[in-house]
ModelCIF file with pLDDT and N, C-alpha, C, O atoms, coordinates in Angstrom:
data_MODEL
#
_entry.id   MODEL 
#
_entity.id                         1 
_entity.type                       polymer 
_entity.pdbx_number_of_molecules   1 
#
_entity_poly.entity_id                      1 
_entity_poly.type                           'polypeptide(L)' 
_entity_poly.nstd_linkage                   no 
_entity_poly.nstd_monomer                   no 
_entity_poly.pdbx_seq_one_letter_code       NFIGIEKYPTVLLKAFKKLDNYKLNNLKIICIDAKEIDEVF 
_entity_poly.pdbx_seq_one_letter_code_can   NFIGIEKYPTVLLKAFKKLDNYKLNNLKIICIDAKEIDEVF 
_entity_poly.pdbx_strand_id                 A 
#
loop_
_entity_poly_seq.entity_id 
_entity_poly_seq.num 
_entity_poly_seq.mon_id 
_entity_poly_seq.hetero 
1 1  ASN n 
1 2  PHE n 
1 3  ILE n 
1 4  GLY n 
1 5  ILE n 
1 6  GLU n 
1 7  LYS n 
1 8  TYR n 
1 9  PRO n 
1 10 THR n 
1 11 VAL n 
1 12 LEU n 
1 13 LEU n 
1 14 LYS n 
1 15 ALA n 
1 16 PHE n 
1 17 LYS n 
1 18 LYS n 
1 19 LEU n 
1 20 ASP n 
1 21 ASN n 
1 22 TYR n 
1 23 LYS n 
1 24 LEU n 
1 25 ASN n 
1 26 ASN n 
1 27 LEU n 
1 28 LYS n 
1 29 ILE n 
1 30 ILE n 
1 31 CYS n 
1 32 ILE n 
1 33 ASP n 
1 34 ALA n 
1 35 LYS n 
1 36 GLU n 
1 37 ILE n 
1 38 ASP n 
1 39 GLU n 
1 40 VAL n 
1 41 PHE n 
#
_struct_asym.id          A 
_struct_asym.entity_id   1 
#
loop_
_ma_qa_metric.id 
_ma_qa_metric.mode 
_ma_qa_metric.name 
_ma_qa_metric.software_group_id 
_ma_qa_metric.type 
1 global pLDDT . pLDDT 
2 local  pLDDT . pLDDT 
#
_ma_qa_metric_global.metric_id      1 
_ma_qa_metric_global.metric_value   94.17 
_ma_qa_metric_global.model_id       1 
_ma_qa_metric_global.ordinal_id     1 
#
loop_
_ma_qa_metric_local.label_asym_id 
_ma_qa_metric_local.label_comp_id 
_ma_qa_metric_local.label_seq_id 
_ma_qa_metric_local.metric_id 
_ma_qa_metric_local.metric_value 
_ma_qa_metric_local.model_id 
_ma_qa_metric_local.ordinal_id 
A ASN 1  2 98.00 1 1  
A PHE 2  2 98.00 1 2  
A ILE 3  2 98.00 1 3  
A GLY 4  2 98.00 1 4  
A ILE 5  2 98.00 1 5  
A GLU 6  2 96.00 1 6  
A LYS 7  2 93.00 1 7  
A TYR 8  2 90.00 1 8  
A PRO 9  2 89.00 1 9  
A THR 10 2 90.00 1 10 
A VAL 11 2 88.00 1 11 
A LEU 12 2 91.00 1 12 
A LEU 13 2 91.00 1 13 
A LYS 14 2 89.00 1 14 
A ALA 15 2 92.00 1 15 
A PHE 16 2 92.00 1 16 
A LYS 17 2 90.00 1 17 
A LYS 18 2 91.00 1 18 
A LEU 19 2 92.00 1 19 
A ASP 20 2 88.00 1 20 
A ASN 21 2 85.00 1 21 
A TYR 22 2 90.00 1 22 
A LYS 23 2 93.00 1 23 
A LEU 24 2 96.00 1 24 
A ASN 25 2 96.00 1 25 
A ASN 26 2 98.00 1 26 
A LEU 27 2 98.00 1 27 
A LYS 28 2 97.00 1 28 
A ILE 29 2 97.00 1 29 
A ILE 30 2 96.00 1 30 
A CYS 31 2 95.00 1 31 
A ILE 32 2 95.00 1 32 
A ASP 33 2 96.00 1 33 
A ALA 34 2 96.00 1 34 
A LYS 35 2 96.00 1 35 
A GLU 36 2 97.00 1 36 
A ILE 37 2 98.00 1 37 
A ASP 38 2 97.00 1 38 
A GLU 39 2 97.00 1 39 
A VAL 40 2 98.00 1 40 
A PHE 41 2 98.00 1 41 
#
loop_
_atom_site.group_PDB 
_atom_site.id 
_atom_site.type_symbol 
_atom_site.label_atom_id 
_atom_site.label_alt_id 
_atom_site.label_comp_id 
_atom_site.label_asym_id 
_atom_site.label_entity_id 
_atom_site.label_seq_id 
_atom_site.pdbx_PDB_ins_code 
_atom_site.Cartn_x 
_atom_site.Cartn_y 
_atom_site.Cartn_z 
_atom_site.occupancy 
_atom_site.B_iso_or_equiv 
_atom_site.pdbx_formal_charge 
_atom_site.auth_seq_id 
_atom_site.auth_comp_id 
_atom_site.auth_asym_id 
_atom_site.auth_atom_id 
_atom_site.pdbx_PDB_model_num 
ATOM 1   N N  . ASN A 1 1  ? 10.338 98.392  91.651  1.00 98.00 ? 1  ASN A N  1 
ATOM 2   C CA . ASN A 1 1  ? 11.597 97.783  92.070  1.00 98.00 ? 1  ASN A CA 1 
ATOM 3   C C  . ASN A 1 1  ? 11.569 96.281  91.774  1.00 98.00 ? 1  ASN A C  1 
ATOM 4   O O  . ASN A 1 1  ? 10.561 95.613  92.006  1.00 98.00 ? 1  ASN A O  1 
ATOM 5   N N  . PHE A 1 2  ? 12.669 95.768  91.268  1.00 98.00 ? 2  PHE A N  1 
ATOM 6   C CA . PHE A 1 2  ? 12.754 94.355  90.912  1.00 98.00 ? 2  PHE A CA 1 
ATOM 7   C C  . PHE A 1 2  ? 13.928 93.691  91.636  1.00 98.00 ? 2  PHE A C  1 
ATOM 8   O O  . PHE A 1 2  ? 14.996 94.278  91.812  1.00 98.00 ? 2  PHE A O  1 
ATOM 9   N N  . ILE A 1 3  ? 13.687 92.447  92.046  1.00 98.00 ? 3  ILE A N  1 
ATOM 10  C CA . ILE A 1 3  ? 14.749 91.644  92.645  1.00 98.00 ? 3  ILE A CA 1 
ATOM 11  C C  . ILE A 1 3  ? 14.781 90.295  91.934  1.00 98.00 ? 3  ILE A C  1 
ATOM 12  O O  . ILE A 1 3  ? 13.786 89.572  91.892  1.00 98.00 ? 3  ILE A O  1 
ATOM 13  N N  . GLY A 1 4  ? 15.934 89.978  91.383  1.00 98.00 ? 4  GLY A N  1 
ATOM 14  C CA . GLY A 1 4  ? 16.128 88.684  90.734  1.00 98.00 ? 4  GLY A CA 1 
ATOM 15  C C  . GLY A 1 4  ? 16.757 87.710  91.708  1.00 98.00 ? 4  GLY A C  1 
ATOM 16  O O  . GLY A 1 4  ? 17.666 88.068  92.457  1.00 98.00 ? 4  GLY A O  1 
ATOM 17  N N  . ILE A 1 5  ? 16.275 86.484  91.697  1.00 98.00 ? 5  ILE A N  1 
ATOM 18  C CA . ILE A 1 5  ? 16.761 85.460  92.616  1.00 98.00 ? 5  ILE A CA 1 
ATOM 19  C C  . ILE A 1 5  ? 17.264 84.267  91.819  1.00 98.00 ? 5  ILE A C  1 
ATOM 20  O O  . ILE A 1 5  ? 16.551 83.736  90.967  1.00 98.00 ? 5  ILE A O  1 
ATOM 21  N N  . GLU A 1 6  ? 18.480 83.851  92.093  1.00 96.00 ? 6  GLU A N  1 
ATOM 22  C CA . GLU A 1 6  ? 19.076 82.713  91.391  1.00 96.00 ? 6  GLU A CA 1 
ATOM 23  C C  . GLU A 1 6  ? 19.967 81.933  92.355  1.00 96.00 ? 6  GLU A C  1 
ATOM 24  O O  . GLU A 1 6  ? 20.680 82.516  93.172  1.00 96.00 ? 6  GLU A O  1 
ATOM 25  N N  . LYS A 1 7  ? 19.913 80.637  92.247  1.00 93.00 ? 7  LYS A N  1 
ATOM 26  C CA . LYS A 1 7  ? 20.641 79.766  93.168  1.00 93.00 ? 7  LYS A CA 1 
ATOM 27  C C  . LYS A 1 7  ? 22.120 79.637  92.810  1.00 93.00 ? 7  LYS A C  1 
ATOM 28  O O  . LYS A 1 7  ? 22.960 79.449  93.689  1.00 93.00 ? 7  LYS A O  1 
ATOM 29  N N  . TYR A 1 8  ? 22.438 79.739  91.511  1.00 90.00 ? 8  TYR A N  1 
ATOM 30  C CA . TYR A 1 8  ? 23.781 79.384  91.064  1.00 90.00 ? 8  TYR A CA 1 
ATOM 31  C C  . TYR A 1 8  ? 24.622 80.599  90.687  1.00 90.00 ? 8  TYR A C  1 
ATOM 32  O O  . TYR A 1 8  ? 24.271 81.315  89.749  1.00 90.00 ? 8  TYR A O  1 
ATOM 33  N N  . PRO A 1 9  ? 25.730 80.851  91.399  1.00 89.00 ? 9  PRO A N  1 
ATOM 34  C CA . PRO A 1 9  ? 26.602 81.988  91.085  1.00 89.00 ? 9  PRO A CA 1 
ATOM 35  C C  . PRO A 1 9  ? 27.137 81.956  89.657  1.00 89.00 ? 9  PRO A C  1 
ATOM 36  O O  . PRO A 1 9  ? 27.287 83.004  89.029  1.00 89.00 ? 9  PRO A O  1 
ATOM 37  N N  . THR A 1 10 ? 27.425 80.764  89.143  1.00 90.00 ? 10 THR A N  1 
ATOM 38  C CA . THR A 1 10 ? 27.957 80.636  87.790  1.00 90.00 ? 10 THR A CA 1 
ATOM 39  C C  . THR A 1 10 ? 26.981 81.188  86.754  1.00 90.00 ? 10 THR A C  1 
ATOM 40  O O  . THR A 1 10 ? 27.393 81.826  85.785  1.00 90.00 ? 10 THR A O  1 
ATOM 41  N N  . VAL A 1 11 ? 25.690 80.941  86.959  1.00 88.00 ? 11 VAL A N  1 
ATOM 42  C CA . VAL A 1 11 ? 24.669 81.469  86.048  1.00 88.00 ? 11 VAL A CA 1 
ATOM 43  C C  . VAL A 1 11 ? 24.603 82.990  86.156  1.00 88.00 ? 11 VAL A C  1 
ATOM 44  O O  . VAL A 1 11 ? 24.463 83.683  85.149  1.00 88.00 ? 11 VAL A O  1 
ATOM 45  N N  . LEU A 1 12 ? 24.704 83.503  87.376  1.00 91.00 ? 12 LEU A N  1 
ATOM 46  C CA . LEU A 1 12 ? 24.593 84.944  87.591  1.00 91.00 ? 12 LEU A CA 1 
ATOM 47  C C  . LEU A 1 12 ? 25.720 85.735  86.932  1.00 91.00 ? 12 LEU A C  1 
ATOM 48  O O  . LEU A 1 12 ? 25.542 86.911  86.616  1.00 91.00 ? 12 LEU A O  1 
ATOM 49  N N  . LEU A 1 13 ? 26.860 85.118  86.725  1.00 91.00 ? 13 LEU A N  1 
ATOM 50  C CA . LEU A 1 13 ? 27.964 85.818  86.073  1.00 91.00 ? 13 LEU A CA 1 
ATOM 51  C C  . LEU A 1 13 ? 27.541 86.388  84.728  1.00 91.00 ? 13 LEU A C  1 
ATOM 52  O O  . LEU A 1 13 ? 27.928 87.501  84.372  1.00 91.00 ? 13 LEU A O  1 
ATOM 53  N N  . LYS A 1 14 ? 26.752 85.634  83.986  1.00 89.00 ? 14 LYS A N  1 
ATOM 54  C CA . LYS A 1 14 ? 26.310 86.077  82.662  1.00 89.00 ? 14 LYS A CA 1 
ATOM 55  C C  . LYS A 1 14 ? 25.314 87.226  82.776  1.00 89.00 ? 14 LYS A C  1 
ATOM 56  O O  . LYS A 1 14 ? 25.296 88.126  81.937  1.00 89.00 ? 14 LYS A O  1 
ATOM 57  N N  . ALA A 1 15 ? 24.487 87.191  83.818  1.00 92.00 ? 15 ALA A N  1 
ATOM 58  C CA . ALA A 1 15 ? 23.545 88.289  84.042  1.00 92.00 ? 15 ALA A CA 1 
ATOM 59  C C  . ALA A 1 15 ? 24.296 89.581  84.373  1.00 92.00 ? 15 ALA A C  1 
ATOM 60  O O  . ALA A 1 15 ? 23.975 90.648  83.850  1.00 92.00 ? 15 ALA A O  1 
ATOM 61  N N  . PHE A 1 16 ? 25.286 89.471  85.233  1.00 92.00 ? 16 PHE A N  1 
ATOM 62  C CA . PHE A 1 16 ? 26.038 90.663  85.630  1.00 92.00 ? 16 PHE A CA 1 
ATOM 63  C C  . PHE A 1 16 ? 26.832 91.237  84.462  1.00 92.00 ? 16 PHE A C  1 
ATOM 64  O O  . PHE A 1 16 ? 27.038 92.448  84.381  1.00 92.00 ? 16 PHE A O  1 
ATOM 65  N N  . LYS A 1 17 ? 27.271 90.378  83.571  1.00 90.00 ? 17 LYS A N  1 
ATOM 66  C CA . LYS A 1 17 ? 27.993 90.864  82.388  1.00 90.00 ? 17 LYS A CA 1 
ATOM 67  C C  . LYS A 1 17 ? 27.067 91.732  81.532  1.00 90.00 ? 17 LYS A C  1 
ATOM 68  O O  . LYS A 1 17 ? 27.495 92.753  80.994  1.00 90.00 ? 17 LYS A O  1 
ATOM 69  N N  . LYS A 1 18 ? 25.794 91.325  81.405  1.00 91.00 ? 18 LYS A N  1 
ATOM 70  C CA . LYS A 1 18 ? 24.819 92.122  80.651  1.00 91.00 ? 18 LYS A CA 1 
ATOM 71  C C  . LYS A 1 18 ? 24.574 93.458  81.336  1.00 91.00 ? 18 LYS A C  1 
ATOM 72  O O  . LYS A 1 18 ? 24.374 94.473  80.669  1.00 91.00 ? 18 LYS A O  1 
ATOM 73  N N  . LEU A 1 19 ? 24.590 93.463  82.656  1.00 92.00 ? 19 LEU A N  1 
ATOM 74  C CA . LEU A 1 19 ? 24.299 94.682  83.406  1.00 92.00 ? 19 LEU A CA 1 
ATOM 75  C C  . LEU A 1 19 ? 25.415 95.714  83.331  1.00 92.00 ? 19 LEU A C  1 
ATOM 76  O O  . LEU A 1 19 ? 25.221 96.863  83.728  1.00 92.00 ? 19 LEU A O  1 
ATOM 77  N N  . ASP A 1 20 ? 26.569 95.326  82.833  1.00 88.00 ? 20 ASP A N  1 
ATOM 78  C CA . ASP A 1 20 ? 27.654 96.288  82.646  1.00 88.00 ? 20 ASP A CA 1 
ATOM 79  C C  . ASP A 1 20 ? 27.240 97.419  81.709  1.00 88.00 ? 20 ASP A C  1 
ATOM 80  O O  . ASP A 1 20 ? 27.820 98.504  81.735  1.00 88.00 ? 20 ASP A O  1 
ATOM 81  N N  . ASN A 1 21 ? 26.226 97.152  80.879  1.00 85.00 ? 21 ASN A N  1 
ATOM 82  C CA . ASN A 1 21 ? 25.790 98.141  79.893  1.00 85.00 ? 21 ASN A CA 1 
ATOM 83  C C  . ASN A 1 21 ? 24.692 99.070  80.407  1.00 85.00 ? 21 ASN A C  1 
ATOM 84  O O  . ASN A 1 21 ? 24.217 99.938  79.674  1.00 85.00 ? 21 ASN A O  1 
ATOM 85  N N  . TYR A 1 22 ? 24.286 98.889  81.674  1.00 90.00 ? 22 TYR A N  1 
ATOM 86  C CA . TYR A 1 22 ? 23.165 99.651  82.199  1.00 90.00 ? 22 TYR A CA 1 
ATOM 87  C C  . TYR A 1 22 ? 23.494 100.254 83.566  1.00 90.00 ? 22 TYR A C  1 
ATOM 88  O O  . TYR A 1 22 ? 24.445 99.858  84.239  1.00 90.00 ? 22 TYR A O  1 
ATOM 89  N N  . LYS A 1 23 ? 22.663 101.230 83.943  1.00 93.00 ? 23 LYS A N  1 
ATOM 90  C CA . LYS A 1 23 ? 22.693 101.763 85.296  1.00 93.00 ? 23 LYS A CA 1 
ATOM 91  C C  . LYS A 1 23 ? 21.243 101.794 85.773  1.00 93.00 ? 23 LYS A C  1 
ATOM 92  O O  . LYS A 1 23 ? 20.516 102.753 85.512  1.00 93.00 ? 23 LYS A O  1 
ATOM 93  N N  . LEU A 1 24 ? 20.833 100.749 86.469  1.00 96.00 ? 24 LEU A N  1 
ATOM 94  C CA . LEU A 1 24 ? 19.441 100.581 86.882  1.00 96.00 ? 24 LEU A CA 1 
ATOM 95  C C  . LEU A 1 24 ? 19.335 100.703 88.397  1.00 96.00 ? 24 LEU A C  1 
ATOM 96  O O  . LEU A 1 24 ? 19.863 99.871  89.133  1.00 96.00 ? 24 LEU A O  1 
ATOM 97  N N  . ASN A 1 25 ? 18.659 101.729 88.848  1.00 96.00 ? 25 ASN A N  1 
ATOM 98  C CA . ASN A 1 25 ? 18.496 101.932 90.288  1.00 96.00 ? 25 ASN A CA 1 
ATOM 99  C C  . ASN A 1 25 ? 17.373 101.091 90.884  1.00 96.00 ? 25 ASN A C  1 
ATOM 100 O O  . ASN A 1 25 ? 17.209 101.041 92.103  1.00 96.00 ? 25 ASN A O  1 
ATOM 101 N N  . ASN A 1 26 ? 16.606 100.435 90.029  1.00 98.00 ? 26 ASN A N  1 
ATOM 102 C CA . ASN A 1 26 ? 15.442 99.668  90.497  1.00 98.00 ? 26 ASN A CA 1 
ATOM 103 C C  . ASN A 1 26 ? 15.631 98.163  90.369  1.00 98.00 ? 26 ASN A C  1 
ATOM 104 O O  . ASN A 1 26 ? 14.654 97.421  90.267  1.00 98.00 ? 26 ASN A O  1 
ATOM 105 N N  . LEU A 1 27 ? 16.863 97.713  90.373  1.00 98.00 ? 27 LEU A N  1 
ATOM 106 C CA . LEU A 1 27 ? 17.141 96.279  90.248  1.00 98.00 ? 27 LEU A CA 1 
ATOM 107 C C  . LEU A 1 27 ? 18.216 95.837  91.234  1.00 98.00 ? 27 LEU A C  1 
ATOM 108 O O  . LEU A 1 27 ? 19.265 96.469  91.356  1.00 98.00 ? 27 LEU A O  1 
ATOM 109 N N  . LYS A 1 28 ? 17.935 94.737  91.936  1.00 97.00 ? 28 LYS A N  1 
ATOM 110 C CA . LYS A 1 28 ? 18.914 94.092  92.805  1.00 97.00 ? 28 LYS A CA 1 
ATOM 111 C C  . LYS A 1 28 ? 18.850 92.585  92.552  1.00 97.00 ? 28 LYS A C  1 
ATOM 112 O O  . LYS A 1 28 ? 17.860 92.077  92.026  1.00 97.00 ? 28 LYS A O  1 
ATOM 113 N N  . ILE A 1 29 ? 19.897 91.892  92.925  1.00 97.00 ? 29 ILE A N  1 
ATOM 114 C CA . ILE A 1 29 ? 19.991 90.457  92.667  1.00 97.00 ? 29 ILE A CA 1 
ATOM 115 C C  . ILE A 1 29 ? 20.484 89.723  93.910  1.00 97.00 ? 29 ILE A C  1 
ATOM 116 O O  . ILE A 1 29 ? 21.389 90.178  94.610  1.00 97.00 ? 29 ILE A O  1 
ATOM 117 N N  . ILE A 1 30 ? 19.862 88.576  94.161  1.00 96.00 ? 30 ILE A N  1 
ATOM 118 C CA . ILE A 1 30 ? 20.175 87.757  95.328  1.00 96.00 ? 30 ILE A CA 1 
ATOM 119 C C  . ILE A 1 30 ? 20.539 86.343  94.870  1.00 96.00 ? 30 ILE A C  1 
ATOM 120 O O  . ILE A 1 30 ? 19.920 85.805  93.952  1.00 96.00 ? 30 ILE A O  1 
ATOM 121 N N  . CYS A 1 31 ? 21.527 85.754  95.503  1.00 95.00 ? 31 CYS A N  1 
ATOM 122 C CA . CYS A 1 31 ? 21.922 84.375  95.210  1.00 95.00 ? 31 CYS A CA 1 
ATOM 123 C C  . CYS A 1 31 ? 21.544 83.497  96.405  1.00 95.00 ? 31 CYS A C  1 
ATOM 124 O O  . CYS A 1 31 ? 22.300 83.381  97.370  1.00 95.00 ? 31 CYS A O  1 
ATOM 125 N N  . ILE A 1 32 ? 20.358 82.882  96.322  1.00 95.00 ? 32 ILE A N  1 
ATOM 126 C CA . ILE A 1 32 ? 19.888 81.991  97.383  1.00 95.00 ? 32 ILE A CA 1 
ATOM 127 C C  . ILE A 1 32 ? 19.098 80.842  96.763  1.00 95.00 ? 32 ILE A C  1 
ATOM 128 O O  . ILE A 1 32 ? 18.720 80.895  95.593  1.00 95.00 ? 32 ILE A O  1 
ATOM 129 N N  . ASP A 1 33 ? 18.856 79.815  97.554  1.00 96.00 ? 33 ASP A N  1 
ATOM 130 C CA . ASP A 1 33 ? 17.940 78.744  97.169  1.00 96.00 ? 33 ASP A CA 1 
ATOM 131 C C  . ASP A 1 33 ? 16.518 79.240  97.419  1.00 96.00 ? 33 ASP A C  1 
ATOM 132 O O  . ASP A 1 33 ? 16.260 79.894  98.429  1.00 96.00 ? 33 ASP A O  1 
ATOM 133 N N  . ALA A 1 34 ? 15.596 78.934  96.509  1.00 96.00 ? 34 ALA A N  1 
ATOM 134 C CA . ALA A 1 34 ? 14.213 79.413  96.634  1.00 96.00 ? 34 ALA A CA 1 
ATOM 135 C C  . ALA A 1 34 ? 13.550 78.977  97.938  1.00 96.00 ? 34 ALA A C  1 
ATOM 136 O O  . ALA A 1 34 ? 12.636 79.646  98.419  1.00 96.00 ? 34 ALA A O  1 
ATOM 137 N N  . LYS A 1 35 ? 13.994 77.877  98.509  1.00 96.00 ? 35 LYS A N  1 
ATOM 138 C CA . LYS A 1 35 ? 13.377 77.408  99.747  1.00 96.00 ? 35 LYS A CA 1 
ATOM 139 C C  . LYS A 1 35 ? 13.626 78.349  100.923 1.00 96.00 ? 35 LYS A C  1 
ATOM 140 O O  . LYS A 1 35 ? 12.992 78.217  101.970 1.00 96.00 ? 35 LYS A O  1 
ATOM 141 N N  . GLU A 1 36 ? 14.544 79.296  100.755 1.00 97.00 ? 36 GLU A N  1 
ATOM 142 C CA . GLU A 1 36 ? 14.831 80.286  101.797 1.00 97.00 ? 36 GLU A CA 1 
ATOM 143 C C  . GLU A 1 36 ? 14.020 81.562  101.636 1.00 97.00 ? 36 GLU A C  1 
ATOM 144 O O  . GLU A 1 36 ? 14.224 82.522  102.380 1.00 97.00 ? 36 GLU A O  1 
ATOM 145 N N  . ILE A 1 37 ? 13.105 81.585  100.675 1.00 98.00 ? 37 ILE A N  1 
ATOM 146 C CA . ILE A 1 37 ? 12.441 82.832  100.296 1.00 98.00 ? 37 ILE A CA 1 
ATOM 147 C C  . ILE A 1 37 ? 11.755 83.521  101.465 1.00 98.00 ? 37 ILE A C  1 
ATOM 148 O O  . ILE A 1 37 ? 11.799 84.747  101.568 1.00 98.00 ? 37 ILE A O  1 
ATOM 149 N N  . ASP A 1 38 ? 11.124 82.756  102.345 1.00 97.00 ? 38 ASP A N  1 
ATOM 150 C CA . ASP A 1 38 ? 10.422 83.370  103.480 1.00 97.00 ? 38 ASP A CA 1 
ATOM 151 C C  . ASP A 1 38 ? 11.356 83.743  104.614 1.00 97.00 ? 38 ASP A C  1 
ATOM 152 O O  . ASP A 1 38 ? 10.916 84.313  105.612 1.00 97.00 ? 38 ASP A O  1 
ATOM 153 N N  . GLU A 1 39 ? 12.636 83.432  104.480 1.00 97.00 ? 39 GLU A N  1 
ATOM 154 C CA . GLU A 1 39 ? 13.639 83.890  105.440 1.00 97.00 ? 39 GLU A CA 1 
ATOM 155 C C  . GLU A 1 39 ? 14.244 85.224  105.008 1.00 97.00 ? 39 GLU A C  1 
ATOM 156 O O  . GLU A 1 39 ? 14.942 85.880  105.781 1.00 97.00 ? 39 GLU A O  1 
ATOM 157 N N  . VAL A 1 40 ? 13.968 85.617  103.759 1.00 98.00 ? 40 VAL A N  1 
ATOM 158 C CA . VAL A 1 40 ? 14.546 86.834  103.185 1.00 98.00 ? 40 VAL A CA 1 
ATOM 159 C C  . VAL A 1 40 ? 13.536 87.970  103.108 1.00 98.00 ? 40 VAL A C  1 
ATOM 160 O O  . VAL A 1 40 ? 13.888 89.131  103.318 1.00 98.00 ? 40 VAL A O  1 
ATOM 161 N N  . PHE A 1 41 ? 12.268 87.636  102.805 1.00 98.00 ? 41 PHE A N  1 
ATOM 162 C CA . PHE A 1 41 ? 11.236 88.659  102.655 1.00 98.00 ? 41 PHE A CA 1 
ATOM 163 C C  . PHE A 1 41 ? 10.122 88.462  103.667 1.00 98.00 ? 41 PHE A C  1 
ATOM 164 O O  . PHE A 1 41 ? 9.164  89.235  103.688 1.00 98.00 ? 41 PHE A O  1 
#
């Protein structure tokens, strides 16, 4: 299982556009600042 973390929603738009071509059950994406990492996991 993979989780991608990115701070900027504008950058993530391009990632999600690429994902339109796939169906991946082992991938999720989070939009947070890295300094919050220990508040999430």
